[in-house]
Amino acid sequence: MTMRAAGESLIGFVESFGRGRGQDNLVPESGWPGTREEWFVCRFVSAVAGEGTTIADAVVRRSAAVCAERVLASPAAADAIAKGDPGWSFPDGLFCEIYQLLFADCVAEFVHAVIAEKVKLVVPALVLVDPSGQIADWVADRITEVLPMPCAGKREHPEDPRSVLELGRDMLQDAVAIALGLPGAEA
């Protein structure tokens, strides 16, 4: 799954909560052996990252799991999920946080999984300089700082009639291009 597809899936998942379909996402199927929180993480990761088997899919899946855990760290979200509240929807701030986190974590994981491993082969001494992968985290932080974010866009243009989710969808292509350093991306 690509980062763009994951971003689109994230927006779709968040939208489903605001359209009265939240109960489908919050109430486990009959026979589910785990908790509601585990059900939410499973549904979230599956919806956002898909079921692909490539390395890129695994990176996106891991990033989606980090986002799901962040959602559960929100007391309001955790309470709604624990109760199976079908009326709960993502607040704009939480959506923006996981939107940004998805891209930041994907970039950090790609840097860790691909670039860092190749550098270790070419420059083995780098492992001594950066044994815990702080360089990859730093790169992800710098990239995240320049990503277009929907909440910032809404703050800058409060008269814009689009919702934060619509802004996120409209910014998605630019966010992915900037995150991956593709030509034509404006930072």
Protein backbone atom coordinates (compact mmCIF):
# COMPACT_ATOMS: atom_id res chain seq x y z
CA MET A 1 0.00 0.00 0.00
CA THR A 2 1.29 3.42 -0.83
CA MET A 3 1.42 6.35 1.58
CA ARG A 4 -1.21 8.10 -0.52
CA ALA A 5 -3.57 5.13 -0.33
CA ALA A 6 -2.97 4.91 3.42
CA GLY A 7 -3.74 8.62 3.77
CA GLU A 8 -6.95 8.22 1.78
CA SER A 9 -7.90 5.19 3.86
CA LEU A 10 -7.21 7.09 7.08
CA ILE A 11 -9.49 9.93 5.97
CA GLY A 12 -12.20 7.43 4.97
CA PHE A 13 -11.96 5.64 8.30
CA VAL A 14 -12.23 8.90 10.25
CA GLU A 15 -15.17 10.01 8.08
CA SER A 16 -17.02 6.78 8.84
CA PHE A 17 -17.24 7.80 12.47
CA GLY A 18 -18.91 11.10 11.58
CA ARG A 19 -21.58 9.50 9.41
CA GLY A 20 -23.26 7.35 12.02
CA ARG A 21 -21.39 4.21 11.00
CA GLY A 22 -19.10 4.41 14.03
CA GLN A 23 -20.77 1.49 15.75
CA ASP A 24 -19.56 -0.78 12.95
CA ASN A 25 -16.03 0.23 13.86
CA LEU A 26 -16.45 0.22 17.63
CA VAL A 27 -18.41 -2.95 18.33
CA PRO A 28 -16.47 -6.20 17.89
CA GLU A 29 -17.84 -9.00 15.79
CA SER A 30 -19.42 -11.82 17.74
CA GLY A 31 -16.79 -14.29 18.81
CA TRP A 32 -14.00 -11.67 19.02
CA PRO A 33 -11.75 -12.98 21.82
CA GLY A 34 -10.12 -9.66 22.74
CA THR A 35 -11.11 -6.31 24.13
CA ARG A 36 -12.90 -3.48 22.33
CA GLU A 37 -9.61 -1.59 22.28
CA GLU A 38 -7.89 -4.51 20.54
CA TRP A 39 -10.80 -4.68 18.10
CA PHE A 40 -10.40 -0.98 17.35
CA VAL A 41 -6.66 -1.35 16.71
CA CYS A 42 -7.28 -4.34 14.44
CA ARG A 43 -10.03 -2.53 12.48
CA PHE A 44 -8.05 0.70 12.28
CA VAL A 45 -4.87 -0.97 11.03
CA SER A 46 -6.76 -3.13 8.56
CA ALA A 47 -8.78 -0.18 7.23
CA VAL A 48 -5.82 2.20 6.96
CA ALA A 49 -3.02 -0.17 5.91
CA GLY A 50 -4.80 -2.98 4.14
CA GLU A 51 -3.64 -6.57 4.03
CA GLY A 52 -0.70 -6.36 1.60
CA THR A 53 2.46 -8.39 2.07
CA THR A 54 5.21 -6.12 0.77
CA ILE A 55 7.78 -4.35 2.92
CA ALA A 56 6.03 -1.05 2.17
CA ASP A 57 2.75 -2.58 3.38
CA ALA A 58 4.44 -3.66 6.60
CA VAL A 59 5.82 -0.15 7.14
CA VAL A 60 2.39 1.41 6.59
CA ARG A 61 0.78 -1.22 8.84
CA ARG A 62 3.23 -0.42 11.63
CA SER A 63 2.57 3.30 11.21
CA ALA A 64 -1.19 2.70 11.31
CA ALA A 65 -0.74 0.74 14.55
CA VAL A 66 1.16 3.69 16.05
CA CYS A 67 -1.73 5.97 15.01
CA ALA A 68 -4.32 3.61 16.52
CA GLU A 69 -2.41 3.58 19.80
CA ARG A 70 -2.35 7.39 19.72
CA VAL A 71 -6.13 7.42 19.27
CA LEU A 72 -6.47 5.14 22.29
CA ALA A 73 -4.25 7.52 24.28
CA SER A 74 -6.99 10.16 23.93
CA PRO A 75 -9.26 9.81 26.99
CA ALA A 76 -12.39 10.76 25.01
CA ALA A 77 -11.60 8.29 22.24
CA ALA A 78 -10.68 5.50 24.65
CA ASP A 79 -13.93 6.04 26.56
CA ALA A 80 -16.02 6.02 23.37
CA ILE A 81 -14.31 2.86 22.15
CA ALA A 82 -14.66 1.11 25.52
CA LYS A 83 -18.39 1.94 25.58
CA GLY A 84 -18.95 1.28 21.85
CA ASP A 85 -20.42 4.79 21.52
CA PRO A 86 -21.78 5.07 17.94
CA GLY A 87 -22.16 8.85 18.25
CA TRP A 88 -18.50 9.60 18.86
CA SER A 89 -16.48 11.15 16.05
CA PHE A 90 -12.85 12.16 15.76
CA PRO A 91 -12.20 15.73 16.88
CA ASP A 92 -10.30 17.77 14.28
CA GLY A 93 -7.21 18.03 16.48
CA LEU A 94 -6.94 14.26 16.95
CA PHE A 95 -7.44 13.68 13.23
CA CYS A 96 -4.69 16.17 12.39
CA GLU A 97 -2.38 14.56 14.93
CA ILE A 98 -2.76 11.06 13.50
CA TYR A 99 -2.67 12.40 9.92
CA GLN A 100 0.73 13.92 10.63
CA LEU A 101 1.85 10.93 12.68
CA LEU A 102 1.03 8.52 9.84
CA PHE A 103 3.37 10.31 7.44
CA ALA A 104 6.08 10.96 10.02
CA ASP A 105 6.13 7.37 11.18
CA CYS A 106 6.10 6.00 7.61
CA VAL A 107 9.06 8.20 6.71
CA ALA A 108 10.92 7.24 9.90
CA GLU A 109 10.31 3.54 9.27
CA PHE A 110 11.38 3.79 5.63
CA VAL A 111 14.54 5.58 6.72
CA HIS A 112 15.18 2.95 9.40
CA ALA A 113 14.35 -0.03 7.20
CA VAL A 114 15.97 1.01 3.96
CA ILE A 115 18.42 3.85 4.28
CA ALA A 116 19.80 3.00 7.72
CA GLU A 117 20.40 -0.65 6.81
CA LYS A 118 22.18 0.30 3.59
CA VAL A 119 24.33 2.86 5.41
CA LYS A 120 25.32 0.21 7.96
CA LEU A 121 26.59 -1.95 5.13
CA VAL A 122 28.48 0.89 3.47
CA VAL A 123 29.62 2.75 6.59
CA PRO A 124 29.65 0.26 9.49
CA ALA A 125 31.13 2.86 11.86
CA LEU A 126 27.83 4.77 11.70
CA VAL A 127 26.32 2.10 13.93
CA LEU A 128 28.70 3.26 16.66
CA VAL A 129 27.74 6.90 16.11
CA ASP A 130 23.96 6.27 15.91
CA PRO A 131 23.18 2.87 17.48
CA SER A 132 19.54 3.67 18.25
CA GLY A 133 18.61 5.18 14.89
CA GLN A 134 18.32 8.78 16.04
CA ILE A 135 19.36 10.04 12.61
CA ALA A 136 16.29 8.44 11.02
CA ASP A 137 14.06 9.99 13.68
CA TRP A 138 15.66 13.39 13.09
CA VAL A 139 15.08 13.10 9.33
CA ALA A 140 11.41 12.20 9.94
CA ASP A 141 11.00 15.17 12.29
CA ARG A 142 12.45 17.58 9.71
CA ILE A 143 10.15 16.21 7.03
CA THR A 144 7.12 16.41 9.31
CA GLU A 145 7.83 20.09 9.99
CA VAL A 146 7.27 20.96 6.33
CA LEU A 147 4.26 18.75 5.59
CA PRO A 148 1.04 20.61 4.76
CA MET A 149 -1.36 19.90 7.61
CA PRO A 150 -5.14 20.35 7.49
CA CYS A 151 -5.52 21.94 10.94
CA ALA A 152 -2.86 24.52 10.12
CA GLY A 153 -4.59 25.20 6.81
CA LYS A 154 -7.91 25.72 8.58
CA ARG A 155 -6.28 28.08 11.12
CA GLU A 156 -4.65 30.08 8.32
CA HIS A 157 -7.89 30.29 6.31
CA PRO A 158 -10.84 30.05 8.73
CA GLU A 159 -13.18 31.34 6.01
CA ASP A 160 -12.48 28.23 3.90
CA PRO A 161 -15.77 26.28 3.84
CA ARG A 162 -14.02 22.90 3.61
CA SER A 163 -13.85 20.70 6.70
CA VAL A 164 -10.52 19.62 8.14
CA LEU A 165 -11.08 16.17 6.57
CA GLU A 166 -11.68 17.75 3.15
CA LEU A 167 -8.56 19.87 3.56
CA GLY A 168 -6.63 16.72 4.51
CA ARG A 169 -7.84 14.99 1.36
CA ASP A 170 -6.96 18.02 -0.78
CA MET A 171 -3.48 18.25 0.79
CA LEU A 172 -2.79 14.52 0.57
CA GLN A 173 -0.90 14.51 -2.72
CA ASP A 174 1.38 17.35 -1.60
CA ALA A 175 1.92 15.76 1.82
CA VAL A 176 3.02 12.48 0.25
CA ALA A 177 5.23 14.20 -2.33
CA ILE A 178 6.95 16.26 0.37
CA ALA A 179 7.29 13.28 2.71
CA LEU A 180 8.97 11.25 -0.01
CA GLY A 181 10.99 14.15 -1.41
CA LEU A 182 9.47 13.80 -4.87
CA PRO A 183 10.20 16.40 -7.57
CA GLY A 184 7.73 19.23 -7.75
CA ALA A 185 6.89 19.08 -4.05
CA GLU A 186 6.89 22.49 -2.50
CA ALA A 187 8.08 22.84 1.06
